[in-house]
């Protein structure tokens, strides 16, 4: 029994987005999100709480934000 010349091809999608288009958008969104997060972190880098809890504990570049306390 031969296969018919035209057979249906099923494509699954959610809200009109297929897996291929979702894969493309997820990668792009992740890169833009990382860029926006790093930019936002540098914009608030002078806030003492951010500087002490996040930036100083960053590996390899945390030394840049460490400030030696003055001896009194």
N, C-alpha and C. Protein backbone atom coordinates (compact mmCIF):
# COMPACT_ATOMS: atom_id res chain seq x y z
N UNK A 1 0.84 -1.17 0.00
CA UNK A 1 0.00 0.00 0.00
C UNK A 1 0.89 1.24 0.00
N UNK A 2 0.76 2.07 -0.97
CA UNK A 2 1.60 3.26 -1.12
C UNK A 2 1.03 4.42 -0.32
N UNK A 3 1.92 5.28 0.04
CA UNK A 3 1.50 6.45 0.80
C UNK A 3 0.86 7.47 -0.16
N UNK A 4 -0.17 8.16 0.27
CA UNK A 4 -0.80 9.14 -0.62
C UNK A 4 0.18 10.26 -0.96
N UNK A 5 0.04 10.88 -2.13
CA UNK A 5 0.99 11.92 -2.53
C UNK A 5 0.94 13.16 -1.65
N UNK A 6 -0.17 13.43 -1.04
CA UNK A 6 -0.29 14.58 -0.14
C UNK A 6 -0.67 14.05 1.23
N UNK A 7 0.19 14.27 2.19
CA UNK A 7 -0.12 13.84 3.55
C UNK A 7 -0.05 15.05 4.47
N UNK A 8 -0.89 15.08 5.47
CA UNK A 8 -0.90 16.24 6.36
C UNK A 8 0.36 16.30 7.22
N UNK A 9 0.86 17.48 7.43
CA UNK A 9 1.99 17.69 8.32
C UNK A 9 1.48 18.49 9.51
N UNK A 10 1.63 17.91 10.67
CA UNK A 10 1.12 18.55 11.86
C UNK A 10 2.20 19.43 12.48
N UNK A 11 1.84 20.64 12.78
CA UNK A 11 2.73 21.56 13.48
C UNK A 11 2.02 22.00 14.75
N UNK A 12 2.68 21.76 15.84
CA UNK A 12 2.10 22.13 17.12
C UNK A 12 2.49 23.56 17.44
N UNK A 13 1.56 24.34 17.95
CA UNK A 13 1.87 25.69 18.35
C UNK A 13 0.99 26.10 19.52
N UNK A 14 1.45 27.09 20.22
CA UNK A 14 0.72 27.66 21.35
C UNK A 14 0.56 29.14 21.07
N UNK A 15 -0.67 29.58 20.99
CA UNK A 15 -0.99 30.98 20.72
C UNK A 15 -0.34 31.47 19.43
N UNK A 16 -0.20 30.59 18.47
CA UNK A 16 0.36 30.97 17.18
C UNK A 16 1.87 30.89 17.07
N UNK A 17 2.55 30.50 18.13
CA UNK A 17 4.01 30.41 18.11
C UNK A 17 4.42 28.94 18.05
N UNK A 18 5.21 28.60 17.07
CA UNK A 18 5.72 27.23 16.96
C UNK A 18 6.98 27.09 17.79
N UNK A 19 7.47 25.88 17.90
CA UNK A 19 8.70 25.63 18.67
C UNK A 19 9.89 26.33 18.03
N UNK A 20 9.93 26.39 16.71
CA UNK A 20 11.06 27.04 16.02
C UNK A 20 11.09 28.53 16.31
N UNK A 21 9.95 29.18 16.21
CA UNK A 21 9.94 30.62 16.46
C UNK A 21 10.16 30.93 17.94
N UNK A 22 9.64 30.08 18.82
CA UNK A 22 9.86 30.29 20.25
C UNK A 22 11.34 30.16 20.59
N UNK A 23 12.03 29.21 19.98
CA UNK A 23 13.46 29.03 20.24
C UNK A 23 14.24 30.27 19.81
N UNK A 24 13.87 30.85 18.70
CA UNK A 24 14.55 32.05 18.22
C UNK A 24 14.29 33.23 19.14
N UNK A 25 13.06 33.40 19.58
CA UNK A 25 12.71 34.53 20.45
C UNK A 25 13.28 34.38 21.85
N UNK A 26 13.35 33.17 22.36
CA UNK A 26 13.88 32.96 23.72
C UNK A 26 15.35 33.33 23.77
N UNK A 27 16.12 32.94 22.77
CA UNK A 27 17.55 33.29 22.75
C UNK A 27 17.76 34.78 22.68
N UNK A 28 17.01 35.45 21.84
CA UNK A 28 17.13 36.89 21.71
C UNK A 28 16.70 37.60 22.99
N UNK A 29 15.60 37.15 23.57
CA UNK A 29 15.10 37.77 24.80
C UNK A 29 16.08 37.58 25.96
N UNK A 30 16.73 36.43 26.01
CA UNK A 30 17.71 36.19 27.08
C UNK A 30 18.90 37.14 26.96
N UNK A 31 19.37 37.36 25.74
CA UNK A 31 20.49 38.28 25.56
C UNK A 31 20.11 39.71 25.92
N UNK A 32 18.94 40.17 25.48
CA UNK A 32 18.50 41.52 25.82
C UNK A 32 18.24 41.66 27.31
N UNK A 33 17.70 40.64 27.94
CA UNK A 33 17.45 40.68 29.38
C UNK A 33 18.74 40.74 30.18
N UNK A 34 19.75 39.99 29.76
CA UNK A 34 21.05 40.03 30.44
C UNK A 34 21.67 41.42 30.29
N UNK A 35 21.59 41.98 29.09
CA UNK A 35 22.13 43.33 28.86
C UNK A 35 21.42 44.35 29.74
N UNK A 36 20.10 44.29 29.80
CA UNK A 36 19.33 45.25 30.61
C UNK A 36 19.63 45.08 32.10
N UNK A 37 19.80 43.83 32.55
CA UNK A 37 20.12 43.59 33.96
C UNK A 37 21.48 44.13 34.35
N UNK A 38 22.48 43.91 33.50
CA UNK A 38 23.83 44.41 33.79
C UNK A 38 23.85 45.93 33.74
N UNK A 39 23.17 46.52 32.77
CA UNK A 39 23.09 47.97 32.67
C UNK A 39 22.41 48.57 33.90
N UNK A 40 21.32 47.97 34.34
CA UNK A 40 20.63 48.45 35.53
C UNK A 40 21.49 48.32 36.78
N UNK A 41 22.25 47.25 36.88
CA UNK A 41 23.13 47.05 38.03
C UNK A 41 24.22 48.11 38.08
N UNK A 42 24.80 48.44 36.93
CA UNK A 42 25.82 49.48 36.91
C UNK A 42 25.23 50.87 37.17
N UNK A 43 23.98 51.08 36.81
CA UNK A 43 23.36 52.38 37.07
C UNK A 43 23.13 52.62 38.56
N UNK A 44 22.88 51.55 39.31
CA UNK A 44 22.66 51.70 40.76
C UNK A 44 23.89 51.26 41.55
N UNK A 45 25.05 51.22 40.94
CA UNK A 45 26.24 50.71 41.61
C UNK A 45 26.74 51.61 42.73
N UNK A 46 26.28 52.84 42.81
CA UNK A 46 26.73 53.72 43.88
C UNK A 46 25.87 53.61 45.14
N UNK A 47 24.80 52.84 45.10
CA UNK A 47 23.97 52.61 46.28
C UNK A 47 24.75 51.67 47.20
N UNK A 48 24.96 52.06 48.46
CA UNK A 48 25.82 51.26 49.35
C UNK A 48 25.37 49.81 49.53
N UNK A 49 24.08 49.59 49.61
CA UNK A 49 23.60 48.22 49.80
C UNK A 49 23.91 47.36 48.58
N UNK A 50 23.72 47.88 47.39
CA UNK A 50 24.02 47.16 46.16
C UNK A 50 25.52 46.92 46.06
N UNK A 51 26.30 47.95 46.37
CA UNK A 51 27.75 47.84 46.27
C UNK A 51 28.30 46.76 47.21
N UNK A 52 27.78 46.75 48.44
CA UNK A 52 28.33 45.83 49.43
C UNK A 52 27.84 44.40 49.23
N UNK A 53 26.55 44.22 48.97
CA UNK A 53 26.00 42.86 48.94
C UNK A 53 26.15 42.17 47.58
N UNK A 54 26.15 42.91 46.49
CA UNK A 54 26.19 42.27 45.18
C UNK A 54 27.53 42.47 44.49
N UNK A 55 27.95 43.71 44.33
CA UNK A 55 29.11 43.99 43.49
C UNK A 55 30.43 43.55 44.12
N UNK A 56 30.58 43.72 45.43
CA UNK A 56 31.83 43.32 46.06
C UNK A 56 31.99 41.80 46.12
N UNK A 57 30.90 41.07 46.04
CA UNK A 57 31.00 39.61 46.10
C UNK A 57 31.04 38.95 44.72
N UNK A 58 31.16 39.76 43.67
CA UNK A 58 31.26 39.24 42.31
C UNK A 58 32.66 38.69 42.08
N UNK A 59 32.77 37.43 41.60
CA UNK A 59 34.10 36.88 41.37
C UNK A 59 34.86 37.62 40.27
N UNK A 60 36.14 37.71 40.38
CA UNK A 60 37.09 38.28 39.41
C UNK A 60 37.06 39.80 39.33
N UNK A 61 35.95 40.47 39.56
CA UNK A 61 35.90 41.93 39.45
C UNK A 61 35.40 42.60 40.73
N UNK A 62 35.16 41.84 41.77
CA UNK A 62 34.66 42.41 43.02
C UNK A 62 35.65 43.36 43.68
N UNK A 63 36.94 43.19 43.41
CA UNK A 63 37.96 44.06 44.00
C UNK A 63 37.77 45.50 43.56
N UNK A 64 37.17 45.72 42.42
CA UNK A 64 36.99 47.08 41.89
C UNK A 64 36.11 47.93 42.80
N UNK A 65 35.12 47.32 43.44
CA UNK A 65 34.18 48.07 44.28
C UNK A 65 34.55 48.03 45.76
N UNK A 66 35.59 47.30 46.13
CA UNK A 66 35.97 47.26 47.53
C UNK A 66 36.67 48.56 47.90
N UNK A 67 36.23 49.17 48.98
CA UNK A 67 36.80 50.42 49.44
C UNK A 67 37.43 50.16 50.80
N UNK A 68 38.68 50.53 50.91
CA UNK A 68 39.37 50.37 52.19
C UNK A 68 38.80 51.38 53.17
N UNK A 69 38.46 50.90 54.36
CA UNK A 69 37.93 51.80 55.39
C UNK A 69 39.10 52.58 56.00
N UNK A 70 38.84 53.84 56.25
CA UNK A 70 39.89 54.69 56.81
C UNK A 70 40.10 54.35 58.27
N UNK A 71 41.37 54.28 58.66
CA UNK A 71 41.70 54.03 60.06
C UNK A 71 41.51 55.32 60.84
N UNK A 72 40.80 55.23 61.94
CA UNK A 72 40.54 56.45 62.73
C UNK A 72 41.46 56.55 63.91
